[in-house]
Amino acid sequence: MRTSDIIRKTTETDINLTLNLDGSGKSEINSGCGFLDHMLTLFAKHGRFDLEVSCKGDTDVDFHHTVEDIGIALGQAFYSALGDKRGIIRYGSTILPMDEALILSSVDISGRSYLAYSLEIPCPKVGDFDTELCEEFWLAFTRTANLTLHIKQLDGKNSHHIIEGAFKSVARTLKTAVSVDKNFADEIPSTKGVL
């Protein structure tokens, strides 16, 4: 099974995260940030990943360390669970509508970390969540998952819908990219022979 368990402890956060790439979308999320819990629950459901996240963070300060460190841990979990990446499709792309919002995401599990982030979120907060942290989450994830990710907003003005659309779109995109192509299950999808 393509699974991973990540423990990340710093002076700012204490995270336990479990990921199953071949799950059914079950999740148990407790980050200390309600909005992030909701986004990670959606991510698991729409990507069909089984995901457990427990985080004790310095949320009395703000949610920055919690959001960034969970992004780091989730990226590490993807990287670890993929192993040598043998047989994966490698690429994925999704255009996802979330009411008036329309989000494009594309991924290349390339071994090269790069984030192209083009979301224009109009409100500085959704509830008590600073919307600028959405970019911080995906930047942390991209760096440690060692992949290329593009997230682009094609339409939309509702901050919640834009962020939710991004999490759902990236989840669907990743599900495609990490899926195993049974016709090429023993091959690394690269002319270099490694990813």
C-alpha atoms as a PDB file:
ATOM      1  CA  MET A   1       0.000   0.000   0.000  1.00  0.00           C
ATOM      2  CA  ARG A   2       1.112   3.539  -0.737  1.00  0.00           C
ATOM      3  CA  THR A   3       0.901   5.039   2.721  1.00  0.00           C
ATOM      4  CA  SER A   4       2.920   7.341   4.903  1.00  0.00           C
ATOM      5  CA  ASP A   5       3.045   8.411   8.541  1.00  0.00           C
ATOM      6  CA  ILE A   6       4.639  11.752   9.324  1.00  0.00           C
ATOM      7  CA  ILE A   7       5.494  13.155  12.741  1.00  0.00           C
ATOM      8  CA  ARG A   8       6.654  16.755  12.823  1.00  0.00           C
ATOM      9  CA  LYS A   9       7.492  18.418  16.130  1.00  0.00           C
ATOM     10  CA  THR A  10       8.792  21.951  16.450  1.00  0.00           C
ATOM     11  CA  THR A  11       8.581  24.586  19.162  1.00  0.00           C
ATOM     12  CA  GLU A  12       5.511  25.923  17.297  1.00  0.00           C
ATOM     13  CA  THR A  13       3.609  22.771  16.247  1.00  0.00           C
ATOM     14  CA  ASP A  14       3.234  19.076  17.048  1.00  0.00           C
ATOM     15  CA  ILE A  15       1.786  17.213  14.050  1.00  0.00           C
ATOM     16  CA  ASN A  16       0.850  13.592  13.428  1.00  0.00           C
ATOM     17  CA  LEU A  17      -0.296  12.907   9.872  1.00  0.00           C
ATOM     18  CA  THR A  18      -1.238   9.664   8.122  1.00  0.00           C
ATOM     19  CA  LEU A  19      -1.923   9.433   4.382  1.00  0.00           C
ATOM     20  CA  ASN A  20      -3.163   6.588   2.177  1.00  0.00           C
ATOM     21  CA  LEU A  21      -3.011   7.495  -1.530  1.00  0.00           C
ATOM     22  CA  ASP A  22      -5.283   4.574  -2.420  1.00  0.00           C
ATOM     23  CA  GLY A  23      -8.006   5.279   0.093  1.00  0.00           C
ATOM     24  CA  SER A  24     -11.694   6.059  -0.175  1.00  0.00           C
ATOM     25  CA  GLY A  25     -11.776   9.656   1.059  1.00  0.00           C
ATOM     26  CA  LYS A  26     -12.049   9.026   4.789  1.00  0.00           C
ATOM     27  CA  SER A  27     -10.599  11.712   7.021  1.00  0.00           C
ATOM     28  CA  GLU A  28     -10.139  12.664  10.629  1.00  0.00           C
ATOM     29  CA  ILE A  29      -8.814  16.199  10.875  1.00  0.00           C
ATOM     30  CA  ASN A  30      -8.057  18.243  13.988  1.00  0.00           C
ATOM     31  CA  SER A  31      -5.728  21.127  13.205  1.00  0.00           C
ATOM     32  CA  GLY A  32      -7.023  23.655  15.714  1.00  0.00           C
ATOM     33  CA  CYS A  33      -8.223  25.786  12.777  1.00  0.00           C
ATOM     34  CA  GLY A  34     -11.815  25.072  11.768  1.00  0.00           C
ATOM     35  CA  PHE A  35     -11.514  26.435   8.240  1.00  0.00           C
ATOM     36  CA  LEU A  36      -8.367  24.390   7.535  1.00  0.00           C
ATOM     37  CA  ASP A  37     -10.089  21.294   8.954  1.00  0.00           C
ATOM     38  CA  HIS A  38     -12.895  21.845   6.447  1.00  0.00           C
ATOM     39  CA  MET A  39     -10.463  22.321   3.530  1.00  0.00           C
ATOM     40  CA  LEU A  40      -8.461  19.190   4.411  1.00  0.00           C
ATOM     41  CA  THR A  41     -11.681  17.170   4.781  1.00  0.00           C
ATOM     42  CA  LEU A  42     -12.702  18.315   1.284  1.00  0.00           C
ATOM     43  CA  PHE A  43      -9.204  17.564  -0.012  1.00  0.00           C
ATOM     44  CA  ALA A  44      -9.365  13.983   1.290  1.00  0.00           C
ATOM     45  CA  LYS A  45     -12.914  13.385   0.040  1.00  0.00           C
ATOM     46  CA  HIS A  46     -12.436  14.740  -3.476  1.00  0.00           C
ATOM     47  CA  GLY A  47      -8.983  13.180  -3.904  1.00  0.00           C
ATOM     48  CA  ARG A  48     -10.136   9.856  -2.463  1.00  0.00           C
ATOM     49  CA  PHE A  49      -7.207   9.966  -0.059  1.00  0.00           C
ATOM     50  CA  ASP A  50      -7.512   8.635   3.474  1.00  0.00           C
ATOM     51  CA  LEU A  51      -6.084  11.367   5.673  1.00  0.00           C
ATOM     52  CA  GLU A  52      -5.638  11.785   9.406  1.00  0.00           C
ATOM     53  CA  VAL A  53      -4.199  14.999  10.776  1.00  0.00           C
ATOM     54  CA  SER A  54      -3.711  15.973  14.395  1.00  0.00           C
ATOM     55  CA  CYS A  55      -1.970  19.257  15.191  1.00  0.00           C
ATOM     56  CA  LYS A  56      -1.313  21.124  18.405  1.00  0.00           C
ATOM     57  CA  GLY A  57      -0.019  24.517  17.381  1.00  0.00           C
ATOM     58  CA  ASP A  58       0.489  28.017  18.713  1.00  0.00           C
ATOM     59  CA  THR A  59      -2.954  29.086  17.505  1.00  0.00           C
ATOM     60  CA  ASP A  60      -3.087  31.588  20.372  1.00  0.00           C
ATOM     61  CA  VAL A  61      -0.635  33.609  18.230  1.00  0.00           C
ATOM     62  CA  ASP A  62      -2.284  32.955  14.846  1.00  0.00           C
ATOM     63  CA  PHE A  63      -2.775  30.099  12.363  1.00  0.00           C
ATOM     64  CA  HIS A  64       0.372  30.705  10.293  1.00  0.00           C
ATOM     65  CA  HIS A  65       2.642  28.063  11.821  1.00  0.00           C
ATOM     66  CA  THR A  66      -0.148  25.481  11.923  1.00  0.00           C
ATOM     67  CA  VAL A  67      -1.125  25.990   8.277  1.00  0.00           C
ATOM     68  CA  GLU A  68       2.446  26.075   6.977  1.00  0.00           C
ATOM     69  CA  ASP A  69       3.619  23.082   9.017  1.00  0.00           C
ATOM     70  CA  ILE A  70       0.632  20.942   8.018  1.00  0.00           C
ATOM     71  CA  GLY A  71       1.423  21.846   4.402  1.00  0.00           C
ATOM     72  CA  ILE A  72       5.010  20.702   4.994  1.00  0.00           C
ATOM     73  CA  ALA A  73       3.875  17.425   6.621  1.00  0.00           C
ATOM     74  CA  LEU A  74       1.303  16.692   3.896  1.00  0.00           C
ATOM     75  CA  GLY A  75       3.929  17.263   1.193  1.00  0.00           C
ATOM     76  CA  GLN A  76       6.346  14.937   3.011  1.00  0.00           C
ATOM     77  CA  ALA A  77       3.607  12.321   3.230  1.00  0.00           C
ATOM     78  CA  PHE A  78       2.922  12.462  -0.515  1.00  0.00           C
ATOM     79  CA  TYR A  79       6.627  12.285  -1.303  1.00  0.00           C
ATOM     80  CA  SER A  80       7.147   9.302   0.995  1.00  0.00           C
ATOM     81  CA  ALA A  81       4.005   7.406  -0.079  1.00  0.00           C
ATOM     82  CA  LEU A  82       4.944   7.694  -3.771  1.00  0.00           C
ATOM     83  CA  GLY A  83       8.273   5.903  -3.262  1.00  0.00           C
ATOM     84  CA  ASP A  84      10.177   5.687  -6.557  1.00  0.00           C
ATOM     85  CA  LYS A  85       6.999   6.777  -8.417  1.00  0.00           C
ATOM     86  CA  ARG A  86       7.020   3.633 -10.543  1.00  0.00           C
ATOM     87  CA  GLY A  87       3.904   3.349 -12.694  1.00  0.00           C
ATOM     88  CA  ILE A  88       2.301   6.674 -11.785  1.00  0.00           C
ATOM     89  CA  ILE A  89       0.573   8.745 -14.445  1.00  0.00           C
ATOM     90  CA  ARG A  90       2.700  11.711 -13.256  1.00  0.00           C
ATOM     91  CA  TYR A  91       0.598  14.533 -14.756  1.00  0.00           C
ATOM     92  CA  GLY A  92      -2.850  15.813 -13.898  1.00  0.00           C
ATOM     93  CA  SER A  93      -5.055  18.791 -14.626  1.00  0.00           C
ATOM     94  CA  THR A  94      -8.524  19.847 -13.472  1.00  0.00           C
ATOM     95  CA  ILE A  95     -10.826  22.779 -14.126  1.00  0.00           C
ATOM     96  CA  LEU A  96     -13.275  22.862 -11.251  1.00  0.00           C
ATOM     97  CA  PRO A  97     -16.349  25.062 -10.780  1.00  0.00           C
ATOM     98  CA  MET A  98     -17.321  26.080  -7.249  1.00  0.00           C
ATOM     99  CA  ASP A  99     -20.467  28.103  -7.830  1.00  0.00           C
ATOM    100  CA  GLU A 100     -19.238  31.365  -9.422  1.00  0.00           C
ATOM    101  CA  ALA A 101     -15.565  30.463  -8.887  1.00  0.00           C
ATOM    102  CA  LEU A 102     -13.655  28.547 -11.543  1.00  0.00           C
ATOM    103  CA  ILE A 103     -10.254  27.113 -10.627  1.00  0.00           C
ATOM    104  CA  LEU A 104      -7.617  25.471 -12.814  1.00  0.00           C
ATOM    105  CA  SER A 105      -4.943  23.269 -11.292  1.00  0.00           C
ATOM    106  CA  SER A 106      -2.188  21.294 -12.995  1.00  0.00           C
ATOM    107  CA  VAL A 107       0.529  19.117 -11.514  1.00  0.00           C
ATOM    108  CA  ASP A 108       3.693  17.392 -12.646  1.00  0.00           C
ATOM    109  CA  ILE A 109       5.217  14.983 -10.144  1.00  0.00           C
ATOM    110  CA  SER A 110       8.576  15.930 -11.553  1.00  0.00           C
ATOM    111  CA  GLY A 111      10.978  15.856  -8.626  1.00  0.00           C
ATOM    112  CA  ARG A 112      11.261  19.648  -9.014  1.00  0.00           C
ATOM    113  CA  SER A 113       9.390  21.880  -6.582  1.00  0.00           C
ATOM    114  CA  TYR A 114       7.662  24.873  -8.139  1.00  0.00           C
ATOM    115  CA  LEU A 115       4.421  26.683  -7.316  1.00  0.00           C
ATOM    116  CA  ALA A 116       2.637  29.026  -9.720  1.00  0.00           C
ATOM    117  CA  TYR A 117      -0.136  30.544  -7.608  1.00  0.00           C
ATOM    118  CA  SER A 118      -2.646  32.908  -9.205  1.00  0.00           C
ATOM    119  CA  LEU A 119      -5.588  33.239  -6.832  1.00  0.00           C
ATOM    120  CA  GLU A 120      -7.025  36.681  -6.216  1.00  0.00           C
ATOM    121  CA  ILE A 121      -8.874  36.274  -2.937  1.00  0.00           C
ATOM    122  CA  PRO A 122     -10.803  39.502  -2.251  1.00  0.00           C
ATOM    123  CA  CYS A 123     -11.260  39.212   1.535  1.00  0.00           C
ATOM    124  CA  PRO A 124      -8.332  39.157   3.967  1.00  0.00           C
ATOM    125  CA  LYS A 125     -10.186  36.677   6.205  1.00  0.00           C
ATOM    126  CA  VAL A 126     -12.698  33.856   5.965  1.00  0.00           C
ATOM    127  CA  GLY A 127     -13.968  33.594   9.516  1.00  0.00           C
ATOM    128  CA  ASP A 128     -10.778  33.829  11.583  1.00  0.00           C
ATOM    129  CA  PHE A 129      -8.612  32.321   8.810  1.00  0.00           C
ATOM    130  CA  ASP A 130      -6.191  34.706   7.080  1.00  0.00           C
ATOM    131  CA  THR A 131      -6.715  34.035   3.373  1.00  0.00           C
ATOM    132  CA  GLU A 132      -3.044  34.791   2.576  1.00  0.00           C
ATOM    133  CA  LEU A 133      -2.289  31.485   4.330  1.00  0.00           C
ATOM    134  CA  CYS A 134      -3.770  29.582   1.401  1.00  0.00           C
ATOM    135  CA  GLU A 135      -0.659  30.411  -0.638  1.00  0.00           C
ATOM    136  CA  GLU A 136       1.602  29.554   2.310  1.00  0.00           C
ATOM    137  CA  PHE A 137      -0.034  26.122   2.576  1.00  0.00           C
ATOM    138  CA  TRP A 138       0.459  25.265  -1.104  1.00  0.00           C
ATOM    139  CA  LEU A 139       4.002  26.634  -1.136  1.00  0.00           C
ATOM    140  CA  ALA A 140       4.956  24.448   1.848  1.00  0.00           C
ATOM    141  CA  PHE A 141       3.227  21.428   0.289  1.00  0.00           C
ATOM    142  CA  THR A 142       4.908  21.897  -3.094  1.00  0.00           C
ATOM    143  CA  ARG A 143       8.384  22.247  -1.607  1.00  0.00           C
ATOM    144  CA  THR A 144       8.249  19.033   0.399  1.00  0.00           C
ATOM    145  CA  ALA A 145       6.213  16.959  -2.089  1.00  0.00           C
ATOM    146  CA  ASN A 146       8.881  17.900  -4.654  1.00  0.00           C
ATOM    147  CA  LEU A 147       6.420  18.566  -7.456  1.00  0.00           C
ATOM    148  CA  THR A 148       5.314  21.332  -9.807  1.00  0.00           C
ATOM    149  CA  LEU A 149       1.869  22.792  -9.080  1.00  0.00           C
ATOM    150  CA  HIS A 150      -0.056  25.493 -10.910  1.00  0.00           C
ATOM    151  CA  ILE A 151      -3.224  26.919  -9.338  1.00  0.00           C
ATOM    152  CA  LYS A 152      -5.070  29.578 -11.302  1.00  0.00           C
ATOM    153  CA  GLN A 153      -8.345  31.361 -10.693  1.00  0.00           C
ATOM    154  CA  LEU A 154     -10.306  31.737 -13.922  1.00  0.00           C
ATOM    155  CA  ASP A 155     -13.351  33.400 -12.315  1.00  0.00           C
ATOM    156  CA  GLY A 156     -14.890  34.119  -8.946  1.00  0.00           C
ATOM    157  CA  LYS A 157     -15.321  36.766  -6.276  1.00  0.00           C
ATOM    158  CA  ASN A 158     -16.331  34.774  -3.185  1.00  0.00           C
ATOM    159  CA  SER A 159     -13.236  34.161  -1.042  1.00  0.00           C
ATOM    160  CA  HIS A 160     -14.564  30.953   0.497  1.00  0.00           C
ATOM    161  CA  HIS A 161     -15.485  29.492  -2.896  1.00  0.00           C
ATOM    162  CA  ILE A 162     -12.112  30.392  -4.418  1.00  0.00           C
ATOM    163  CA  ILE A 163     -10.153  28.660  -1.642  1.00  0.00           C
ATOM    164  CA  GLU A 164     -12.519  25.681  -1.497  1.00  0.00           C
ATOM    165  CA  GLY A 165     -12.360  25.348  -5.279  1.00  0.00           C
ATOM    166  CA  ALA A 166      -8.564  25.339  -5.100  1.00  0.00           C
ATOM    167  CA  PHE A 167      -8.430  22.553  -2.499  1.00  0.00           C
ATOM    168  CA  LYS A 168     -10.933  20.419  -4.434  1.00  0.00           C
ATOM    169  CA  SER A 169      -9.246  21.062  -7.779  1.00  0.00           C
ATOM    170  CA  VAL A 170      -5.763  20.239  -6.504  1.00  0.00           C
ATOM    171  CA  ALA A 171      -7.103  17.074  -4.841  1.00  0.00           C
ATOM    172  CA  ARG A 172      -8.645  15.833  -8.104  1.00  0.00           C
ATOM    173  CA  THR A 173      -5.506  16.767 -10.024  1.00  0.00           C
ATOM    174  CA  LEU A 174      -3.244  14.939  -7.589  1.00  0.00           C
ATOM    175  CA  LYS A 175      -5.481  11.866  -7.638  1.00  0.00           C
ATOM    176  CA  THR A 176      -5.010  11.617 -11.403  1.00  0.00           C
ATOM    177  CA  ALA A 177      -1.244  12.189 -11.223  1.00  0.00           C
ATOM    178  CA  VAL A 178      -0.557   9.657  -8.437  1.00  0.00           C
ATOM    179  CA  SER A 179      -2.769   6.967  -9.966  1.00  0.00           C
ATOM    180  CA  VAL A 180      -0.966   3.923 -11.297  1.00  0.00           C
ATOM    181  CA  ASP A 181      -1.241   3.215 -15.015  1.00  0.00           C
ATOM    182  CA  LYS A 182      -1.570  -0.593 -15.029  1.00  0.00           C
ATOM    183  CA  ASN A 183      -0.137  -0.783 -18.570  1.00  0.00           C
ATOM    184  CA  PHE A 184       3.110   0.803 -17.340  1.00  0.00           C
ATOM    185  CA  ALA A 185       3.145  -0.273 -13.686  1.00  0.00           C
ATOM    186  CA  ASP A 186       6.845  -1.215 -13.757  1.00  0.00           C
ATOM    187  CA  GLU A 187       8.068   1.933 -15.490  1.00  0.00           C
ATOM    188  CA  ILE A 188       9.293   5.268 -14.172  1.00  0.00           C
ATOM    189  CA  PRO A 189       7.462   7.927 -16.229  1.00  0.00           C
ATOM    190  CA  SER A 190      10.608   9.784 -17.277  1.00  0.00           C
ATOM    191  CA  THR A 191      13.237   9.447 -20.023  1.00  0.00           C
ATOM    192  CA  LYS A 192      15.808   9.963 -17.235  1.00  0.00           C
ATOM    193  CA  GLY A 193      14.666   6.790 -15.487  1.00  0.00           C
ATOM    194  CA  VAL A 194      14.160   8.623 -12.176  1.00  0.00           C
ATOM    195  CA  LEU A 195      11.818  11.255 -10.811  1.00  0.00           C
END
